[in-house]
Amino acid sequence: MSENYGAICSDFYVNQRLNLKMDLPNNRETILAMFDRVRREFPNMDRFRRMEHELALESDPAADPQQWLAMRRTSVRTGVVSPVDPSAAYGFHKLILEIAPYFLSVSPLDIDYLELLYGFDLLAVGNHDAIVYDALLSGSPLGRMLDVPGAAPVDCQPVFGVALNDSSELQAHFEVKTRTPPAFSGSTREGPPDAPPEPISVYLTMRRYGAVKDISDLVTIFKQLTTRGEELLQTRVVPNLLVPIRDAISSGNA
C-alpha cells in the first residue's frame, strides 16, 4: 500500500475484470495450462479452488500482497490486495491480459468490456449510513431531503457514473458501500463500544466498453485505464470521498 493510501484507509486493492460475450472454454487441460503459466511467473499463487461457478488460483491469504485469478463463464478476473502502490499491481493484471486470450481463444470481437477497480476499505463502527451522510451529504440540497427530525439514515450509498469520451465507451464510476450491522440499522451513529468494526468501502471503477481491433490492444486499453484512474484517484476520490469519510469516522461521533 502506498504511504498516502495507508494513512487514509485500512485496506487497498486493485482488481481487473475482462468481460466477454461468449462462454470461455472449460476443459481441464486448457485451464490447468493457463494456471501453471501464471504460477511459473508468480510461484506463491499455488492454491487452486473449484467452486460452483468459478475456478480460482490464489496466493496464501496471509501473503503481502495477496493475488488471485478467477474464471467464470464469461469473465476472467484478477485482484491484488495491499499492493505497495497501484503500479505494483499492474504487472500481474497486464500478464493476464497478455496470456489469457491465447490460452482461452479469446477473439477481439468477443470483448465486452475491460474494467479496472480501485477499492479502499475504512473500518468503522456504528451506523455507516449516518457516517457517510454526515461526511458527504449533510447541509447539501440532497442531504436536506433526509434531514427529518428524529430520523436516522438507513441507506446512504452514493453511486455516480460519468462518460469520459464522446462515444461513452470509456467510463468512470464512483461508489460508496456501507455495511451497517443489523443491530445498528435505523440507529444513530453510536453503537455498543465492543462492536467489531466493519469496512465502509469506496470504489473507483474504470471501464472501457466495445470490441477491439487486435487482441494486443487490451494492454493499450489497460494503460489508458490506469492513467485516467490514477488521475481521478488523486483529484477526485481522495479529496472528495476518502478524506471526508475518514475524518467523519475519526471525529469521535462514529
Protein backbone atom coordinates (compact mmCIF):
# COMPACT_ATOMS: atom_id res chain seq x y z
CA MET A 1 0.00 0.00 0.00
CA SER A 2 1.31 3.43 -0.81
CA GLU A 3 2.13 5.72 2.09
CA ASN A 4 -0.66 8.15 1.19
CA TYR A 5 -3.34 5.48 0.91
CA GLY A 6 -2.08 3.72 4.04
CA ALA A 7 -2.74 6.88 6.03
CA ILE A 8 -6.30 7.10 4.75
CA CYS A 9 -7.69 3.55 4.68
CA SER A 10 -7.29 0.20 6.40
CA ASP A 11 -7.01 -1.78 3.17
CA PHE A 12 -6.45 -1.09 -0.51
CA TYR A 13 -6.84 -3.36 -3.56
CA VAL A 14 -6.74 -3.20 -7.35
CA ASN A 15 -8.97 -5.59 -9.30
CA GLN A 16 -9.39 -6.23 -13.01
CA ARG A 17 -12.21 -7.83 -15.00
CA LEU A 18 -12.16 -8.88 -18.65
CA ASN A 19 -15.79 -9.48 -19.57
CA LEU A 20 -16.62 -11.49 -22.68
CA LYS A 21 -19.69 -12.06 -24.83
CA MET A 22 -19.24 -15.81 -25.33
CA ASP A 23 -18.55 -18.64 -22.90
CA LEU A 24 -14.96 -19.47 -22.07
CA PRO A 25 -13.61 -22.99 -22.71
CA ASN A 26 -13.88 -25.19 -19.63
CA ASN A 27 -11.75 -28.26 -20.43
CA ARG A 28 -9.24 -29.15 -17.75
CA GLU A 29 -6.14 -29.10 -19.96
CA THR A 30 -6.72 -25.50 -21.06
CA ILE A 31 -7.47 -24.19 -17.58
CA LEU A 32 -4.61 -26.01 -15.87
CA ALA A 33 -2.14 -24.96 -18.57
CA MET A 34 -3.03 -21.32 -18.05
CA PHE A 35 -2.88 -21.60 -14.26
CA ASP A 36 0.50 -23.32 -14.48
CA ARG A 37 1.76 -20.47 -16.68
CA VAL A 38 0.66 -17.92 -14.07
CA ARG A 39 2.22 -19.94 -11.27
CA ARG A 40 5.59 -20.01 -13.07
CA GLU A 41 5.54 -16.21 -13.05
CA PHE A 42 4.12 -15.93 -9.51
CA PRO A 43 5.17 -19.08 -7.55
CA ASN A 44 3.26 -18.00 -4.44
CA MET A 45 -0.02 -18.48 -6.32
CA ASP A 46 -0.31 -22.19 -5.52
CA ARG A 47 -3.84 -22.52 -4.11
CA PHE A 48 -6.39 -23.87 -6.56
CA ARG A 49 -10.08 -23.72 -5.67
CA ARG A 50 -13.11 -25.01 -7.56
CA MET A 51 -16.48 -23.51 -6.66
CA GLU A 52 -19.91 -23.89 -8.22
CA HIS A 53 -19.49 -21.14 -10.80
CA GLU A 54 -15.81 -20.28 -10.52
CA LEU A 55 -12.29 -21.65 -10.80
CA ALA A 56 -9.67 -19.73 -8.85
CA LEU A 57 -5.92 -19.67 -8.37
CA GLU A 58 -4.76 -17.73 -5.30
CA SER A 59 -1.80 -16.95 -3.13
CA ASP A 60 -1.87 -17.52 0.62
CA PRO A 61 -4.35 -15.09 2.26
CA ALA A 62 -1.54 -14.00 4.58
CA ALA A 63 0.74 -13.11 1.66
CA ASP A 64 1.63 -9.46 1.22
CA PRO A 65 0.42 -8.63 -1.30
CA GLN A 66 -2.23 -11.29 -1.88
CA GLN A 67 -3.04 -12.11 -5.51
CA TRP A 68 -5.89 -14.05 -7.08
CA LEU A 69 -7.14 -15.11 -10.50
CA ALA A 70 -10.72 -16.28 -11.04
CA MET A 71 -12.53 -17.56 -14.11
CA ARG A 72 -16.29 -17.64 -14.57
CA ARG A 73 -18.42 -18.49 -17.58
CA THR A 74 -17.88 -15.19 -19.40
CA SER A 75 -15.18 -13.38 -17.43
CA VAL A 76 -11.57 -13.51 -16.29
CA ARG A 77 -10.97 -11.57 -13.06
CA THR A 78 -7.79 -10.75 -11.16
CA GLY A 79 -7.04 -8.97 -7.92
CA VAL A 80 -4.13 -7.70 -5.84
CA VAL A 81 -4.77 -6.90 -2.17
CA SER A 82 -2.49 -4.46 -0.31
CA PRO A 83 0.00 -3.69 -3.08
CA VAL A 84 2.82 -1.30 -2.20
CA ASP A 85 1.14 1.19 -4.55
CA PRO A 86 -1.24 0.89 -7.53
CA SER A 87 1.57 0.39 -10.02
CA ALA A 88 2.76 -2.66 -8.05
CA ALA A 89 -0.47 -4.44 -9.04
CA TYR A 90 -0.33 -3.58 -12.71
CA GLY A 91 2.26 -6.17 -13.75
CA PHE A 92 0.04 -9.04 -12.64
CA HIS A 93 -3.05 -7.69 -14.39
CA LYS A 94 -1.07 -6.96 -17.55
CA LEU A 95 0.29 -10.52 -17.64
CA ILE A 96 -3.23 -11.95 -17.59
CA LEU A 97 -4.28 -9.68 -20.46
CA GLU A 98 -1.28 -10.90 -22.45
CA ILE A 99 -1.70 -14.65 -21.93
CA ALA A 100 -5.42 -15.27 -21.31
CA PRO A 101 -6.58 -14.57 -24.90
CA TYR A 102 -4.19 -17.22 -26.25
CA PHE A 103 -4.90 -19.92 -23.68
CA LEU A 104 -8.66 -19.26 -23.83
CA SER A 105 -9.03 -18.49 -27.56
CA VAL A 106 -10.49 -15.03 -26.97
CA SER A 107 -11.27 -13.12 -30.19
CA PRO A 108 -11.19 -9.31 -30.48
CA LEU A 109 -14.89 -9.45 -31.35
CA ASP A 110 -15.56 -11.30 -28.10
CA ILE A 111 -14.56 -8.39 -25.85
CA ASP A 112 -17.49 -6.86 -23.95
CA TYR A 113 -15.50 -4.57 -21.65
CA LEU A 114 -12.28 -4.25 -19.69
CA GLU A 115 -12.67 -3.00 -16.12
CA LEU A 116 -10.18 -1.79 -13.53
CA LEU A 117 -11.37 -1.25 -9.95
CA TYR A 118 -9.55 0.62 -7.19
CA GLY A 119 -11.01 -0.29 -3.79
CA PHE A 120 -10.49 1.28 -0.37
CA ASP A 121 -11.79 -0.05 2.97
CA LEU A 122 -12.19 2.22 6.00
CA LEU A 123 -13.07 0.41 9.23
CA ALA A 124 -15.93 1.98 11.19
CA VAL A 125 -18.36 1.00 13.95
CA GLY A 126 -21.96 2.08 14.35
CA ASN A 127 -24.30 3.31 11.63
CA HIS A 128 -22.23 3.50 8.44
CA ASP A 129 -25.02 5.25 6.55
CA ALA A 130 -25.11 8.05 9.11
CA ILE A 131 -21.33 8.43 8.84
CA VAL A 132 -21.48 8.71 5.04
CA TYR A 133 -24.43 11.10 5.25
CA ASP A 134 -22.52 13.39 7.63
CA ALA A 135 -19.37 13.20 5.52
CA LEU A 136 -20.81 13.71 2.05
CA LEU A 137 -24.39 14.98 2.13
CA SER A 138 -25.12 16.91 5.31
CA GLY A 139 -26.04 20.51 4.51
CA SER A 140 -26.43 19.91 0.78
CA PRO A 141 -29.78 20.18 -1.08
CA LEU A 142 -29.88 16.39 -1.37
CA GLY A 143 -28.93 15.96 2.27
CA ARG A 144 -31.75 18.25 3.37
CA MET A 145 -34.23 15.78 1.89
CA LEU A 146 -33.15 13.34 4.59
CA ASP A 147 -32.97 15.89 7.39
CA VAL A 148 -36.17 14.72 9.09
CA PRO A 149 -36.46 15.27 12.88
CA GLY A 150 -35.91 12.03 14.78
CA ALA A 151 -34.85 10.11 11.68
CA ALA A 152 -31.57 8.27 11.04
CA PRO A 153 -30.18 7.24 7.64
CA VAL A 154 -30.56 3.56 6.81
CA ASP A 155 -29.31 3.60 3.20
CA CYS A 156 -26.76 6.18 2.13
CA GLN A 157 -24.58 4.64 -0.59
CA PRO A 158 -23.89 7.22 -3.30
CA VAL A 159 -23.15 5.94 -6.82
CA PHE A 160 -22.08 8.20 -9.70
CA GLY A 161 -21.06 7.39 -13.25
CA VAL A 162 -19.53 9.59 -15.94
CA ALA A 163 -18.56 9.10 -19.59
CA LEU A 164 -15.01 10.22 -20.28
CA ASN A 165 -15.22 10.44 -24.08
CA ASP A 166 -17.81 11.38 -26.70
CA SER A 167 -18.65 7.77 -27.58
CA SER A 168 -19.23 6.84 -23.90
CA GLU A 169 -17.01 3.79 -24.38
CA LEU A 170 -14.72 4.99 -21.59
CA GLN A 171 -16.49 5.45 -18.26
CA ALA A 172 -15.70 6.02 -14.60
CA HIS A 173 -17.97 5.01 -11.74
CA PHE A 174 -17.66 6.20 -8.12
CA GLU A 175 -19.37 4.19 -5.38
CA VAL A 176 -19.58 4.16 -1.59
CA LYS A 177 -20.61 0.85 0.01
CA THR A 178 -21.79 0.72 3.64
CA ARG A 179 -22.08 -2.35 5.88
CA THR A 180 -24.05 -1.22 8.90
CA PRO A 181 -24.55 -4.18 11.30
CA PRO A 182 -28.27 -5.10 11.54
CA ALA A 183 -28.34 -4.18 15.23
CA PHE A 184 -27.50 -0.56 14.32
CA SER A 185 -29.88 -0.23 11.37
CA GLY A 186 -32.03 2.84 11.87
CA SER A 187 -30.00 3.94 14.89
CA THR A 188 -27.78 6.94 15.39
CA ARG A 189 -24.06 6.71 14.71
CA GLU A 190 -23.28 5.45 18.18
CA GLY A 191 -23.23 1.71 18.86
CA PRO A 192 -22.05 -0.66 21.59
CA PRO A 193 -18.39 0.07 22.41
CA ASP A 194 -17.40 -3.58 21.91
CA ALA A 195 -18.95 -3.83 18.43
CA PRO A 196 -16.40 -5.10 15.88
CA PRO A 197 -15.71 -2.59 13.08
CA GLU A 198 -16.83 -3.31 9.53
CA PRO A 199 -15.46 -1.50 6.47
CA ILE A 200 -17.03 1.33 4.57
CA SER A 201 -15.75 0.77 1.03
CA VAL A 202 -15.03 3.36 -1.63
CA TYR A 203 -14.68 2.17 -5.23
CA LEU A 204 -13.43 3.82 -8.38
CA THR A 205 -14.29 1.62 -11.36
CA MET A 206 -12.76 2.44 -14.74
CA ARG A 207 -14.43 0.66 -17.65
CA ARG A 208 -13.83 0.58 -21.38
CA TYR A 209 -16.61 -0.94 -23.49
CA GLY A 210 -16.52 -2.24 -27.04
CA ALA A 211 -14.69 -4.64 -29.32
CA VAL A 212 -11.01 -4.19 -30.10
CA LYS A 213 -9.29 -4.33 -33.48
CA ASP A 214 -6.48 -6.57 -32.26
CA ILE A 215 -6.26 -8.63 -29.08
CA SER A 216 -2.97 -6.90 -28.23
CA ASP A 217 -4.94 -3.65 -27.89
CA LEU A 218 -6.08 -4.86 -24.45
CA VAL A 219 -2.72 -3.87 -22.97
CA THR A 220 -3.01 -0.39 -24.51
CA ILE A 221 -6.53 0.00 -23.12
CA PHE A 222 -5.30 -1.16 -19.72
CA LYS A 223 -2.67 1.59 -19.78
CA GLN A 224 -5.38 4.11 -20.63
CA LEU A 225 -7.47 2.93 -17.67
CA THR A 226 -4.57 3.15 -15.23
CA THR A 227 -3.55 6.63 -16.39
CA ARG A 228 -7.05 8.07 -16.12
CA GLY A 229 -7.75 6.08 -12.97
CA GLU A 230 -4.74 7.41 -11.06
CA GLU A 231 -5.61 10.93 -12.14
CA LEU A 232 -9.16 10.56 -10.79
CA LEU A 233 -7.89 9.00 -7.57
CA GLN A 234 -5.72 11.99 -6.80
CA THR A 235 -8.05 14.75 -7.98
CA ARG A 236 -11.48 13.33 -7.13
CA VAL A 237 -11.59 10.20 -4.98
CA VAL A 238 -9.06 11.07 -2.29
CA PRO A 239 -10.12 14.68 -1.57
CA ASN A 240 -13.87 14.28 -2.13
CA LEU A 241 -14.66 10.77 -0.85
CA LEU A 242 -11.86 9.17 1.15
CA VAL A 243 -10.72 12.13 3.25
CA PRO A 244 -14.24 13.31 4.25
CA ILE A 245 -15.29 9.78 5.24
CA ARG A 246 -12.04 9.17 7.13
CA ASP A 247 -12.49 12.45 9.00
CA ALA A 248 -16.11 11.59 9.86
CA ILE A 249 -15.02 8.21 11.24
CA SER A 250 -12.25 9.72 13.34
CA SER A 251 -14.33 12.65 14.59
CA GLY A 252 -15.33 10.72 17.72
CA ASN A 253 -19.01 10.55 16.79
CA ALA A 254 -18.84 7.22 14.95
